[in-house]
Protein backbone atom coordinates (compact mmCIF):
# COMPACT_ATOMS: atom_id res chain seq x y z
CA UNK A 1 -0.13 0.03 -0.30
CA UNK A 2 2.70 2.52 0.88
CA UNK A 3 4.53 1.35 -1.99
CA UNK A 4 1.47 2.00 -4.31
CA UNK A 5 1.04 5.38 -3.14
CA UNK A 6 4.52 6.44 -3.35
CA UNK A 7 4.64 6.07 -6.88
CA UNK A 8 1.22 7.57 -7.43
CA UNK A 9 2.97 10.46 -5.85
CA UNK A 10 5.96 9.93 -8.38
CA UNK A 11 3.31 10.72 -11.14
CA UNK A 12 3.48 14.26 -10.36
CA UNK A 13 6.45 14.60 -12.38
CA UNK A 14 4.92 12.84 -15.36
CA UNK A 15 2.10 14.86 -15.50
CA UNK A 16 3.67 18.51 -15.39
CA UNK A 17 5.93 17.50 -18.18
CA UNK A 18 2.92 16.21 -20.51
CA UNK A 19 1.04 20.19 -19.80
CA UNK A 20 1.56 21.62 -23.09
CA UNK A 21 4.82 23.63 -23.28
CA UNK A 22 2.73 27.26 -23.93
CA UNK A 23 0.04 26.34 -22.33
CA UNK A 24 2.14 25.56 -19.35
CA UNK A 25 3.98 28.70 -19.19
CA UNK A 26 0.41 30.88 -19.63
CA UNK A 27 -1.08 28.91 -16.46
CA UNK A 28 -0.10 30.21 -12.78
CA UNK A 29 1.24 27.30 -10.58
CA UNK A 30 -1.58 27.72 -8.11
CA UNK A 31 -4.02 26.67 -11.19
CA UNK A 32 -1.55 23.81 -12.64
CA UNK A 33 -1.47 22.03 -8.54
CA UNK A 34 -5.44 22.79 -8.28
CA UNK A 35 -5.77 20.82 -11.60
CA UNK A 36 -3.61 17.76 -10.89
CA UNK A 37 -4.95 17.66 -7.16
CA UNK A 38 -8.21 17.51 -8.42
CA UNK A 39 -7.05 14.45 -10.97
CA UNK A 40 -4.54 12.73 -9.18
CA UNK A 41 -6.10 13.27 -5.53
CA UNK A 42 -7.32 9.61 -4.20
CA UNK A 43 -10.49 9.73 -2.65
CA UNK A 44 -10.21 7.55 0.24
CA UNK A 45 -12.72 4.08 0.94
CA UNK A 46 -16.21 5.27 3.20
CA UNK A 47 -18.50 2.41 3.72
CA UNK A 48 -22.04 3.95 4.41
CA UNK A 49 -23.61 1.24 7.02
CA UNK A 50 -26.40 3.39 8.13
CA UNK A 51 -27.52 2.57 4.04
CA UNK A 52 -27.19 -1.00 3.99
CA UNK A 53 -29.91 -3.21 2.65
CA UNK A 54 -29.99 -7.35 3.04
CA UNK A 55 -31.77 -10.38 0.76
CA UNK A 56 -32.45 -13.63 2.11
CA UNK A 57 -32.81 -16.83 -0.01
CA UNK A 58 -33.27 -20.55 0.63
CA UNK A 59 -30.09 -22.23 -0.29
CA UNK A 60 -28.02 -25.96 0.33
CA UNK A 61 -25.43 -25.87 2.59
CA UNK A 62 -22.42 -28.44 2.35
CA UNK A 63 -22.43 -30.02 5.62
CA UNK A 64 -19.81 -32.75 5.02
CA UNK A 65 -17.83 -34.58 8.15
CA UNK A 66 -20.36 -32.46 10.73
CA UNK A 67 -21.09 -34.33 13.20
CA UNK A 68 -24.19 -32.97 14.02
CA UNK A 69 -25.34 -33.83 10.49
CA UNK A 70 -24.16 -37.80 10.95
CA UNK A 71 -22.46 -36.65 7.12
CA UNK A 72 -19.44 -39.11 7.54
CA UNK A 73 -21.61 -42.01 5.24
CA UNK A 74 -21.39 -42.45 1.59
CA UNK A 75 -19.95 -40.60 -1.81
CA UNK A 76 -19.72 -37.00 -2.83
CA UNK A 77 -20.78 -33.66 -0.52
CA UNK A 78 -23.71 -34.01 2.04
CA UNK A 79 -26.01 -30.97 1.82
CA UNK A 80 -28.64 -29.61 4.03
CA UNK A 81 -31.31 -26.78 3.78
CA UNK A 82 -29.75 -23.19 4.56
CA UNK A 83 -30.23 -19.63 4.82
CA UNK A 84 -27.81 -17.17 2.30
CA UNK A 85 -27.71 -13.16 2.95
CA UNK A 86 -26.56 -10.92 1.09
CA UNK A 87 -25.82 -7.80 2.65
CA UNK A 88 -25.28 -4.85 0.47
CA UNK A 89 -23.62 -1.68 1.91
CA UNK A 90 -22.82 1.40 -0.04
CA UNK A 91 -19.52 2.98 -0.46
CA UNK A 92 -17.80 5.80 -2.14
CA UNK A 93 -14.49 6.61 -2.77
CA UNK A 94 -11.45 4.89 -5.25
CA UNK A 95 -12.76 1.57 -5.47
CA UNK A 96 -9.40 0.27 -6.85
CA UNK A 97 -8.54 0.43 -3.35
CA UNK A 98 -10.10 -2.63 -2.19
CA UNK A 99 -7.58 -4.57 -4.09
CA UNK A 100 -4.67 -3.15 -2.01
CA UNK A 101 -4.39 -3.94 1.71
CA UNK A 102 -2.94 -1.29 4.21
CA UNK A 103 -0.23 -1.75 7.06
CA UNK A 104 -1.40 -2.94 9.45
CA UNK A 105 -4.16 -5.00 8.19
CA UNK A 106 -6.19 -7.90 9.20
CA UNK A 107 -5.83 -11.10 7.05
CA UNK A 108 -9.08 -10.87 4.40
CA UNK A 109 -9.40 -7.34 2.71
CA UNK A 110 -12.41 -6.98 1.22
CA UNK A 111 -14.60 -10.45 2.66
CA UNK A 112 -17.49 -9.40 0.24
CA UNK A 113 -17.90 -9.03 -3.98
CA UNK A 114 -17.42 -5.29 -4.98
CA UNK A 115 -19.62 -3.78 -7.52
CA UNK A 116 -17.90 -1.07 -9.13
CA UNK A 117 -19.05 2.50 -8.66
CA UNK A 118 -21.68 4.17 -11.49
CA UNK A 119 -22.37 7.30 -12.41
CA UNK A 120 -23.27 8.80 -8.99
CA UNK A 121 -19.77 7.83 -7.37
CA UNK A 122 -21.57 5.30 -5.24
CA UNK A 123 -20.51 1.48 -5.84
CA UNK A 124 -21.55 -1.54 -3.40
CA UNK A 125 -19.89 -4.23 -1.17
CA UNK A 126 -21.80 -7.47 -0.76
CA UNK A 127 -21.07 -9.96 1.83
CA UNK A 128 -22.77 -13.05 1.42
CA UNK A 129 -23.11 -15.38 4.70
CA UNK A 130 -24.59 -18.82 4.85
CA UNK A 131 -25.42 -20.99 7.85
CA UNK A 132 -28.25 -24.10 7.90
CA UNK A 133 -31.67 -23.76 8.56
CA UNK A 134 -31.17 -24.43 12.20
CA UNK A 135 -28.45 -21.13 12.97
CA UNK A 136 -30.37 -18.66 14.75
CA UNK A 137 -30.05 -15.46 13.52
CA UNK A 138 -27.39 -14.48 16.81
CA UNK A 139 -24.81 -16.60 14.88
CA UNK A 140 -25.28 -14.44 11.67
CA UNK A 141 -25.15 -11.36 13.32
CA UNK A 142 -22.46 -12.26 15.03
CA UNK A 143 -20.66 -13.33 11.57
CA UNK A 144 -21.55 -9.92 10.05
CA UNK A 145 -20.07 -8.03 12.98
CA UNK A 146 -16.60 -10.04 12.61
CA UNK A 147 -16.41 -9.19 8.87
CA UNK A 148 -17.20 -5.53 9.18
CA UNK A 149 -14.77 -5.08 11.94
CA UNK A 150 -12.02 -6.61 9.97
CA UNK A 151 -13.30 -4.20 6.97
CA UNK A 152 -13.17 -1.40 9.74
CA UNK A 153 -10.10 -1.83 10.75
CA UNK A 154 -8.38 -2.09 7.44
CA UNK A 155 -10.56 1.03 6.11
CA UNK A 156 -9.14 2.91 8.85
CA UNK A 157 -5.67 1.99 8.40
CA UNK A 158 -6.14 2.55 4.66
CA UNK A 159 -7.51 6.08 5.49
CA UNK A 160 -4.81 7.56 7.36
CA UNK A 161 -2.08 6.45 4.60
CA UNK A 162 -4.41 7.70 1.68
CA UNK A 163 -4.67 11.23 3.13
CA UNK A 164 -1.12 11.79 3.92
CA UNK A 165 -0.41 10.96 0.45
CA UNK A 166 -3.17 13.25 -0.13
CA UNK A 167 -1.43 16.05 1.83
CA UNK A 168 1.76 15.74 0.05
CA UNK A 169 0.67 15.57 -3.46
CA UNK A 170 0.40 19.67 -4.16
CA UNK A 171 3.70 19.84 -2.71
CA UNK A 172 4.99 17.37 -5.02
CA UNK A 173 3.14 19.01 -7.73
CA UNK A 174 5.02 22.38 -7.07
CA UNK A 175 8.28 21.14 -7.22
CA UNK A 176 8.01 19.64 -10.38
CA UNK A 177 6.45 22.80 -11.59
CA UNK A 178 9.31 24.45 -10.37
CA UNK A 179 11.88 22.28 -11.74
CA UNK A 180 10.44 22.41 -15.08
CA UNK A 181 9.85 26.46 -14.85
CA UNK A 182 13.83 26.40 -14.42
CA UNK A 183 14.32 24.06 -17.35
CA UNK A 184 12.32 26.08 -19.84
CA UNK A 185 14.20 29.58 -18.41
CA UNK A 186 17.46 27.87 -20.01
CA UNK A 187 15.51 26.85 -23.21
CA UNK A 188 14.73 30.46 -23.25
CA UNK A 189 17.99 31.71 -22.99
CA UNK A 190 19.27 30.17 -25.82
CA UNK A 191 16.68 31.97 -27.94
CA UNK A 192 17.78 35.09 -26.64
CA UNK A 193 21.11 34.26 -27.19
CA UNK A 194 20.95 33.32 -30.71
CA UNK A 195 17.98 35.96 -31.67
CA UNK A 196 16.45 34.03 -34.13
CA UNK A 197 12.88 33.62 -34.09
CA UNK A 198 11.22 30.07 -33.22
CA UNK A 199 9.63 28.07 -35.70
CA UNK A 200 5.93 27.31 -35.23
CA UNK A 201 5.09 24.09 -34.94
CA UNK A 202 1.94 22.56 -37.48
CA UNK A 203 -0.66 21.66 -34.94
CA UNK A 204 0.88 23.00 -32.04
CA UNK A 205 -1.38 23.06 -28.78
CA UNK A 206 -3.94 25.40 -27.16
CA UNK A 207 -1.53 28.25 -25.32
CA UNK A 208 -4.94 29.10 -23.50
CA UNK A 209 -4.47 28.68 -19.34
CA UNK A 210 -5.58 25.47 -17.95
CA UNK A 211 -9.04 25.41 -16.59
CA UNK A 212 -10.04 23.20 -13.64
CA UNK A 213 -13.42 21.91 -13.87
CA UNK A 214 -15.60 19.99 -10.66
CA UNK A 215 -17.47 17.27 -10.71
CA UNK A 216 -20.85 17.37 -9.71
CA UNK A 217 -21.08 14.70 -6.86
CA UNK A 218 -24.43 13.73 -5.70
CA UNK A 219 -25.70 12.10 -2.50
CA UNK A 220 -25.68 8.55 -1.44
CA UNK A 221 -28.35 6.26 -1.96
CA UNK A 222 -31.24 6.98 0.50
CA UNK A 223 -32.11 5.39 3.40
CA UNK A 224 -33.09 1.69 3.15
CA UNK A 225 -37.42 1.83 2.79
CA UNK A 226 -36.66 5.40 0.67
CA UNK A 227 -37.19 6.42 -2.96
CA UNK A 228 -34.31 7.19 -4.32
CA UNK A 229 -34.51 10.69 -5.58
CA UNK A 230 -31.95 12.77 -7.54
CA UNK A 231 -29.59 15.34 -6.13
CA UNK A 232 -26.36 17.34 -5.45
CA UNK A 233 -23.89 18.35 -2.53
CA UNK A 234 -24.90 21.17 -0.42
CA UNK A 235 -20.85 22.42 -1.32
CA UNK A 236 -21.58 22.21 -5.10
CA UNK A 237 -25.37 24.11 -4.96
CA UNK A 238 -23.21 26.71 -3.47
CA UNK A 239 -20.88 27.09 -5.45
CA UNK A 240 -23.51 26.90 -8.48
CA UNK A 241 -25.05 29.91 -7.25
CA UNK A 242 -21.61 31.66 -6.72
CA UNK A 243 -21.32 31.11 -10.79
CA UNK A 244 -24.41 32.58 -10.84
CA UNK A 245 -23.98 35.41 -8.80
CA UNK A 246 -21.08 36.42 -10.67
CA UNK A 247 -22.30 36.52 -14.22
CA UNK A 248 -25.20 38.43 -12.55
CA UNK A 249 -22.49 41.04 -11.51
CA UNK A 250 -21.07 41.02 -14.76
CA UNK A 251 -24.37 42.07 -16.71
CA UNK A 252 -24.83 44.69 -14.33
CA UNK A 253 -21.21 46.01 -14.73
CA UNK A 254 -21.75 46.72 -18.41
CA UNK A 255 -25.58 46.53 -18.42
CA UNK A 256 -26.09 47.91 -21.86
CA UNK A 257 -24.13 45.10 -23.42
CA UNK A 258 -26.56 42.51 -21.91
CA UNK A 259 -29.80 44.42 -21.58
CA UNK A 260 -30.34 43.98 -25.59
CA UNK A 261 -31.34 40.47 -25.02
CA UNK A 262 -34.06 38.15 -23.79
CA UNK A 263 -34.43 35.65 -21.37
CA UNK A 264 -33.18 32.87 -23.17
CA UNK A 265 -30.49 34.58 -24.45
CA UNK A 266 -29.43 35.88 -20.85
CA UNK A 267 -30.05 32.28 -19.76
CA UNK A 268 -27.69 30.56 -22.41
CA UNK A 269 -24.96 33.15 -21.63
CA UNK A 270 -25.37 31.61 -17.89
CA UNK A 271 -25.83 28.27 -18.78
CA UNK A 272 -22.42 28.64 -20.99
CA UNK A 273 -20.66 29.73 -18.15
CA UNK A 274 -21.80 27.07 -15.89
CA UNK A 275 -20.51 24.13 -18.01
CA UNK A 276 -17.04 26.10 -18.25
CA UNK A 277 -17.14 25.02 -14.32
CA UNK A 278 -18.80 21.58 -14.72
CA UNK A 279 -18.60 18.29 -16.14
CA UNK A 280 -21.54 16.10 -17.34
CA UNK A 281 -21.20 12.36 -16.27
CA UNK A 282 -21.38 11.58 -20.44
CA UNK A 283 -20.54 14.60 -22.13
CA UNK A 284 -18.49 17.90 -21.82
CA UNK A 285 -21.90 19.33 -19.86
CA UNK A 286 -23.74 18.91 -16.87
CA UNK A 287 -25.89 21.86 -17.75
CA UNK A 288 -28.42 21.72 -20.51
CA UNK A 289 -31.81 23.30 -21.43
CA UNK A 290 -34.99 22.17 -20.99
CA UNK A 291 -38.23 24.95 -22.04
CA UNK A 292 -38.04 28.03 -22.48
CA UNK A 293 -36.13 30.08 -19.74
CA UNK A 294 -35.04 27.28 -17.51
CA UNK A 295 -31.45 25.43 -17.02
CA UNK A 296 -31.35 21.77 -15.24
CA UNK A 297 -29.32 18.88 -14.26
CA UNK A 298 -31.15 16.00 -14.77
CA UNK A 299 -30.88 12.16 -13.86
CA UNK A 300 -33.13 9.85 -15.22
CA UNK A 301 -35.38 12.74 -16.63
CA UNK A 302 -35.71 13.74 -12.82
CA UNK A 303 -34.56 17.37 -12.10
CA UNK A 304 -31.41 17.50 -9.55
CA UNK A 305 -30.68 21.38 -9.99
CA UNK A 306 -33.30 23.51 -11.94
CA UNK A 307 -32.83 27.96 -12.20
CA UNK A 308 -35.70 29.85 -14.10
CA UNK A 309 -34.35 33.03 -15.99
CA UNK A 310 -37.00 35.44 -15.68
CA UNK A 311 -37.57 38.94 -16.48
CA UNK A 312 -39.46 41.52 -14.31
CA UNK A 313 -42.71 41.96 -15.35
CA UNK A 314 -44.59 42.61 -12.12
CA UNK A 315 -45.73 40.69 -9.47
CA UNK A 316 -48.21 38.34 -10.88
CA UNK A 317 -45.59 36.83 -13.37
CA UNK A 318 -43.01 36.47 -10.66
CA UNK A 319 -45.66 34.07 -8.62
CA UNK A 320 -46.30 32.54 -12.09
CA UNK A 321 -42.45 32.17 -12.16
CA UNK A 322 -42.55 30.58 -8.20
CA UNK A 323 -45.73 28.11 -9.43
CA UNK A 324 -43.46 26.98 -12.50
CA UNK A 325 -40.44 26.33 -10.49
CA UNK A 326 -42.13 24.35 -8.09
CA UNK A 327 -43.91 22.31 -10.35
CA UNK A 328 -40.72 20.93 -11.20
CA UNK A 329 -38.98 20.41 -7.46
CA UNK A 330 -41.17 17.24 -6.06
CA UNK A 331 -38.05 15.66 -4.69
CA UNK A 332 -36.24 15.74 -1.42
CA UNK A 333 -32.72 16.21 -3.03
CA UNK A 334 -33.77 18.79 -5.71
CA UNK A 335 -32.02 22.50 -5.22
CA UNK A 336 -33.11 25.34 -7.13
CA UNK A 337 -32.42 29.15 -8.47
CA UNK A 338 -34.82 31.98 -9.70
CA UNK A 339 -33.04 34.71 -11.63
CA UNK A 340 -34.73 38.15 -11.97
CA UNK A 341 -33.21 40.73 -14.18
CA UNK A 342 -35.03 44.14 -14.45
CA UNK A 343 -34.31 45.68 -17.69
CA UNK A 344 -37.25 48.52 -18.15
CA UNK A 345 -37.61 49.91 -14.47
CA UNK A 346 -35.76 52.67 -13.29
CA UNK A 347 -37.14 52.74 -9.61
CA UNK A 348 -34.68 48.86 -8.94
CA UNK A 349 -35.04 49.81 -4.98
CA UNK A 350 -38.75 49.77 -5.53
CA UNK A 351 -38.61 46.69 -7.21
CA UNK A 352 -36.21 45.46 -4.49
CA UNK A 353 -38.63 45.85 -1.59
CA UNK A 354 -41.29 44.40 -4.03
CA UNK A 355 -39.60 41.41 -4.94
CA UNK A 356 -39.70 39.80 -1.45
CA UNK A 357 -43.32 40.77 -0.32
CA UNK A 358 -44.38 39.34 -3.26
CA UNK A 359 -42.53 35.94 -2.64
CA UNK A 360 -43.64 35.81 0.89
CA UNK A 361 -47.05 35.80 -0.22
CA UNK A 362 -46.73 32.82 -2.06
CA UNK A 363 -49.48 29.76 -0.83
CA UNK A 364 -46.45 27.65 -0.65
CA UNK A 365 -44.10 29.87 1.17
CA UNK A 366 -42.94 28.46 4.69
CA UNK A 367 -39.92 30.52 5.56
CA UNK A 368 -37.40 32.92 5.02
CA UNK A 369 -33.31 31.76 5.32
CA UNK A 370 -31.14 34.34 6.15
CA UNK A 371 -28.92 35.85 3.55
CA UNK A 372 -26.39 38.17 3.32
CA UNK A 373 -25.65 38.94 -0.02
CA UNK A 374 -27.53 41.83 -1.47
CA UNK A 375 -29.93 41.86 -4.13
CA UNK A 376 -30.32 38.00 -3.07
CA UNK A 377 -33.18 36.24 -0.86
CA UNK A 378 -33.29 32.37 -0.25
CA UNK A 379 -36.88 31.08 0.70
CA UNK A 380 -37.97 27.84 1.75
CA UNK A 381 -41.26 27.00 0.33
CA UNK A 382 -43.58 23.51 0.23
CA UNK A 383 -43.88 21.15 -2.86
CA UNK A 384 -46.38 21.49 -5.48
CA UNK A 385 -47.21 18.26 -4.88
CA UNK A 386 -46.08 17.04 -1.70
CA UNK A 387 -47.10 18.89 0.94
CA UNK A 388 -44.52 17.11 3.56
CA UNK A 389 -41.76 17.76 1.12
CA UNK A 390 -39.91 21.57 1.62
CA UNK A 391 -38.00 23.09 -1.58
CA UNK A 392 -35.48 25.62 -0.85
CA UNK A 393 -35.35 28.52 -3.93
CA UNK A 394 -32.59 31.13 -3.62
CA UNK A 395 -33.49 34.14 -5.57
CA UNK A 396 -31.27 36.52 -7.85
CA UNK A 397 -32.53 39.96 -9.13
CA UNK A 398 -30.02 41.93 -11.07
CA UNK A 399 -30.42 45.35 -12.27
CA UNK A 400 -30.12 45.85 -16.24
CA UNK A 401 -31.87 48.60 -16.50
CA UNK A 402 -30.38 51.54 -19.09
CA UNK A 403 -31.36 54.99 -19.38
CA UNK A 404 -31.85 55.73 -22.90
CA UNK A 405 -30.96 59.44 -24.14
């Protein structure tokens, strides 16, 4: 295990040197470090025992040689009725780590079958327990506890070693960057001495800086007895809101450039920038257009994130926008944003005062959540379909009004 992680850290030099030269020179050190850490960091295995489920079925157990079954006579195996219990436990982290034993470790690692993660990043460890029908439930529990205790011990030690390697990774990358920059300085000095322009190579690589794309991290499966629901982590939700906030404030800084666009065009600009920050599961895009003005992340045709973009046209249309948004949000983990642009009214202060009043008067409104950003509000609404479900909606109001002379 230690040798594996050491070899992994050694790849930092190779990764740094593989970046095209002009792109390397055009990218700050901290961005290269962030880019390669995101690519190389090893995610420790975490077993989510609170989400475990089991399946039970009849089977046949080989009891050859066991005194209590008088299984010593005749040829071939002696079979007896038994019970097979399969315990399925979700896990997150790098599935390749199941193949490696930490130091110290217990003998069997793992005791079970590993089902590799799907698109949502969640895999499953299946532990099979078999006993004859005469065995009590306490024996099954004892056996399961014994297996889990060994796995916990191994994963705990493995996590210590993985986190130590991850902590060392940025420094290794920075050292590799420094070595390459020093080499390139020497290369540049040759150009200066000879004073001959460099020949441009055919098919030269992109010279734009490296951009770090995030992956949307989806929540774990629900606890046993609940249906799966699409969702994203709160950390990703806040980062998505940060991208929208940055774009909206860019619009406000030069309103004449953006006020000429309608709702759909403003939506498409925000959509493009969101997909510049996030990588989708199957394609380069995590967000897509659905309908006239909304932006969505979808899982199996069910929304995990929805943003509606609207131009302020008064309280009635705002209420309708909330109705439209809530009609999408029928699942526990769905997160939403409502982006309002003021393009037509000079009295922006009055719009700011009116907007939260209109939202608070909505029949599905439950409460307002504290939000410290100017021109933004956060509310909790009741789902349109399920009164027991609560939906959080973050609301932006951006001023694109331009005085026409």
